[in-house]
Protein backbone atom coordinates (compact mmCIF):
# COMPACT_ATOMS: atom_id res chain seq x y z
CA MET A 1 130.88 85.49 97.54
CA SER A 2 134.15 87.14 96.38
CA SER A 3 137.45 85.87 96.30
CA VAL A 4 140.22 87.30 98.76
CA GLN A 5 143.59 89.15 98.29
CA THR A 6 145.66 87.20 99.93
CA SER A 7 148.18 88.81 102.62
CA LEU A 8 151.90 89.26 102.17
CA PHE A 9 152.58 86.32 104.11
CA ASP A 10 151.04 84.13 101.60
CA LEU A 11 153.95 83.85 99.74
CA THR A 12 154.02 80.06 98.51
CA PRO A 13 153.60 80.17 94.36
CA THR A 14 150.95 77.29 94.36
CA ASP A 15 147.83 76.60 96.23
CA HIS A 16 149.52 73.80 98.33
CA LEU A 17 148.94 74.47 102.10
CA ALA A 18 152.10 74.94 103.90
CA LEU A 19 152.45 75.06 107.73
CA GLY A 20 154.96 77.18 109.40
CA PRO A 21 157.00 76.04 112.51
CA LEU A 22 155.31 76.79 115.78
CA GLY A 23 158.45 75.95 118.13
CA GLY A 24 160.64 79.04 118.57
CA MET A 25 158.61 81.41 115.97
CA MET A 26 155.51 82.27 118.28
CA THR A 27 155.28 85.65 119.95
CA ARG A 28 154.00 85.25 123.52
CA GLN A 29 152.68 88.19 124.94
CA SER A 30 151.82 88.38 128.87
CA LEU A 31 148.37 90.31 129.41
CA GLY A 32 148.63 89.99 133.69
CA ARG A 33 146.54 88.35 135.77
CA GLY A 34 147.34 84.94 134.40
CA ALA A 35 146.48 85.73 130.87
CA TRP A 36 148.29 85.29 127.64
CA ILE A 37 148.09 85.45 123.83
CA ASP A 38 150.74 83.78 121.08
CA LEU A 39 150.81 85.58 117.93
CA LEU A 40 152.45 83.90 114.73
CA PRO A 41 151.56 85.81 111.21
CA GLY A 42 151.29 83.96 108.36
CA TRP A 43 151.27 80.55 110.10
CA LEU A 44 149.54 79.03 107.31
CA SER A 45 150.99 79.58 103.71
CA GLY A 46 149.35 79.11 100.55
CA ALA A 47 146.07 78.89 102.47
CA SER A 48 143.63 80.39 99.57
CA THR A 49 142.31 77.47 98.43
CA VAL A 50 141.26 76.13 101.94
CA PHE A 51 139.63 79.46 102.44
CA GLU A 52 137.73 79.43 98.79
CA ASP A 53 136.64 75.81 100.04
CA LEU A 54 135.25 76.89 103.27
CA LEU A 55 133.42 79.86 101.97
CA GLU A 56 131.52 77.70 99.31
CA GLN A 57 131.14 74.51 101.25
CA VAL A 58 130.94 75.11 104.90
CA PRO A 59 127.18 74.71 105.49
CA TRP A 60 126.96 78.70 107.34
CA LYS A 61 124.14 79.08 109.34
CA ALA A 62 122.66 82.61 110.41
CA GLU A 63 121.35 82.69 113.94
CA ARG A 64 119.39 85.20 116.39
CA ARG A 65 119.98 85.62 120.02
CA GLN A 66 118.11 87.14 122.71
CA MET A 67 119.59 91.17 123.35
CA TYR A 68 118.05 92.21 126.68
CA GLU A 69 114.39 92.80 125.84
CA ARG A 70 115.02 91.70 121.96
CA VAL A 71 115.81 89.07 119.41
CA VAL A 72 118.61 90.41 117.03
CA ASP A 73 120.35 88.81 114.32
CA VAL A 74 123.85 87.42 114.81
CA PRO A 75 126.22 89.64 112.72
CA ARG A 76 127.93 86.82 111.23
CA LEU A 77 127.32 83.46 109.89
CA LEU A 78 128.51 80.39 112.07
CA SER A 79 129.11 76.77 111.92
CA PHE A 80 130.11 74.65 114.74
CA TYR A 81 131.89 71.00 114.79
CA GLY A 82 131.91 68.74 117.91
CA GLU A 83 134.42 66.16 119.23
CA ASP A 84 132.88 63.54 116.76
CA ASP A 85 132.25 65.48 113.75
CA PRO A 86 134.43 65.32 110.84
CA LEU A 87 136.05 68.70 110.11
CA PRO A 88 135.03 70.23 106.67
CA HIS A 89 138.54 70.50 105.13
CA PRO A 90 141.57 67.92 105.22
CA ASP A 91 143.60 70.58 106.03
CA LEU A 92 142.22 71.79 109.20
CA VAL A 93 142.77 68.65 110.35
CA THR A 94 146.68 68.71 109.60
CA ALA A 95 146.54 72.62 111.28
CA ARG A 96 144.77 70.81 114.45
CA GLU A 97 147.28 68.10 114.64
CA ALA A 98 150.15 70.56 114.37
CA LEU A 99 148.23 72.64 117.16
CA ASN A 100 148.03 69.51 119.26
CA ALA A 101 151.52 68.27 118.98
CA HIS A 102 152.81 71.85 120.09
CA TYR A 103 150.21 72.89 122.88
CA GLU A 104 148.84 69.65 124.26
CA PRO A 105 152.16 69.29 127.01
CA GLU A 106 151.03 72.69 128.34
CA LEU A 107 147.65 72.53 127.82
CA GLY A 108 147.21 69.13 129.06
CA GLU A 109 144.42 68.07 126.59
CA PRO A 110 143.79 68.39 123.30
CA PHE A 111 141.89 70.79 121.09
CA ALA A 112 138.51 68.57 120.23
CA THR A 113 136.11 71.21 118.37
CA ALA A 114 135.96 73.72 115.94
CA GLY A 115 133.78 76.84 115.44
CA LEU A 116 133.92 78.68 112.40
CA CYS A 117 132.50 82.13 111.77
CA LEU A 118 132.33 83.90 108.61
CA TYR A 119 132.71 87.78 108.46
CA ARG A 120 131.24 88.69 105.02
CA ASP A 121 131.81 92.46 105.00
CA GLY A 122 132.82 95.17 107.46
CA ASN A 123 129.14 95.32 108.97
CA ASP A 124 129.81 91.42 110.65
CA SER A 125 131.38 91.31 113.88
CA VAL A 126 131.67 90.29 117.15
CA ALA A 127 131.03 91.99 120.50
CA TRP A 128 132.98 92.40 123.37
CA HIS A 129 132.77 88.82 124.99
CA GLY A 130 135.05 85.95 126.77
CA ASP A 131 134.51 82.34 125.83
CA THR A 132 133.19 81.72 129.36
CA ILE A 133 130.26 78.93 128.37
CA GLY A 134 131.51 75.79 129.81
CA ARG A 135 134.80 75.40 131.54
CA GLY A 136 136.18 78.58 130.46
CA LYS A 137 134.13 80.27 133.00
CA SER A 138 136.23 78.90 135.73
CA GLU A 139 139.20 77.21 134.58
CA ASP A 140 142.60 78.04 132.48
CA THR A 141 142.24 77.08 128.95
CA MET A 142 143.31 78.01 125.16
CA VAL A 143 141.65 78.83 122.08
CA ALA A 144 143.38 78.51 118.94
CA ILE A 145 142.14 80.75 116.33
CA ILE A 146 143.35 80.86 112.43
CA SER A 147 142.11 83.67 110.23
CA LEU A 148 141.74 83.48 106.91
CA GLY A 149 140.91 85.97 104.55
CA SER A 150 140.68 89.58 104.72
CA PRO A 151 142.63 91.11 107.66
CA ARG A 152 140.40 92.49 110.59
CA HIS A 153 141.44 93.88 113.83
CA PHE A 154 141.20 91.44 116.90
CA LEU A 155 140.68 93.93 120.11
CA LEU A 156 141.68 92.75 123.67
CA ARG A 157 140.51 94.54 127.26
CA PRO A 158 140.64 93.48 130.68
CA ARG A 159 137.46 92.61 132.20
CA GLY A 160 136.30 95.59 134.25
CA GLY A 161 138.00 98.48 132.70
CA GLY A 162 141.65 99.05 131.13
CA ALA A 163 143.57 99.76 128.24
CA THR A 164 142.39 98.28 124.94
CA ILE A 165 145.13 95.91 122.68
CA ARG A 166 144.81 95.95 118.75
CA HIS A 167 146.19 93.51 116.66
CA LEU A 168 145.78 93.25 112.91
CA ILE A 169 144.77 89.68 112.25
CA GLY A 170 145.35 88.56 108.39
CA HIS A 171 145.27 85.78 106.14
CA GLY A 172 146.92 82.81 107.52
CA ASP A 173 147.77 84.21 110.93
CA LEU A 174 147.34 82.20 114.21
CA LEU A 175 146.37 83.80 117.57
CA VAL A 176 146.41 81.30 120.67
CA MET A 177 144.68 82.98 123.81
CA GLY A 178 145.55 81.01 127.07
CA GLY A 179 145.64 80.79 130.35
CA SER A 180 143.10 82.89 132.39
CA CYS A 181 142.34 84.99 128.95
CA GLN A 182 138.62 83.61 128.97
CA ARG A 183 137.93 84.97 132.41
CA THR A 184 139.74 88.09 132.92
CA TRP A 185 139.96 89.61 129.61
CA GLU A 186 137.25 90.22 126.59
CA HIS A 187 137.69 90.15 122.90
CA ALA A 188 136.10 91.28 119.97
CA ILE A 189 136.28 91.82 116.33
CA PRO A 190 134.66 95.44 115.43
CA LYS A 191 132.88 96.63 112.56
CA THR A 192 134.79 98.97 110.10
CA ALA A 193 133.57 101.23 107.49
CA ARG A 194 136.62 100.13 105.37
CA PRO A 195 135.67 98.36 102.21
CA VAL A 196 137.07 94.84 103.22
CA GLY A 197 136.47 91.12 101.95
CA PRO A 198 135.07 88.11 103.53
CA ARG A 199 137.19 86.62 106.67
CA ILE A 200 136.96 83.26 108.11
CA SER A 201 137.77 82.53 111.79
CA VAL A 202 138.35 78.98 112.56
CA GLN A 203 138.35 78.49 116.40
CA PHE A 204 140.04 75.19 117.92
CA ARG A 205 139.00 74.37 121.62
CA PRO A 206 139.34 71.78 124.25
CA ARG A 207 136.52 69.61 125.01
CA GLY A 208 133.82 71.54 127.23
CA VAL A 209 134.78 75.14 126.04
CA ARG A 210 132.87 77.41 124.22
């Protein structure tokens, strides 16, 4: 798999990972109906080595899922780490600890699991959905996403119809969905015809949210 060209936010001259501050730096956008997102571009600097390590070392799996009357390939590769599973890279442990220190007072519990998705190129995507398997279907919660690799558009829209919100999420960026976002809004990563390199999405979730 090919290497990624880092974003303008990845300014650290070495491969040492550095986490930016969260308090006072995050931009919160209220979506309405009790939903919100926090966005912090370039939270992880020096993240290229982490990206390369995850790309090569994570046991990526291809899945197939029932889609109406047929079974189709999931258009991305996946890996999941439960509460008792060691994370695949020590820098992800550091990132989760920082997220918990900042968000646990508001969330009321720690981020406990990590789901990783590998978008190999512009043909890989995720359709409109909310993380409503488990408690996210009926309770307010948070999902924290760290994006590594090539930038991709992250789309949000209200359930039942409404204007689409579009953010270009780049290398080392942090996006957190909170409040009622999983049950009152949907999100997606669309396919693109533009030539793009691989992207890894790391999603930290509380216990019982998928």
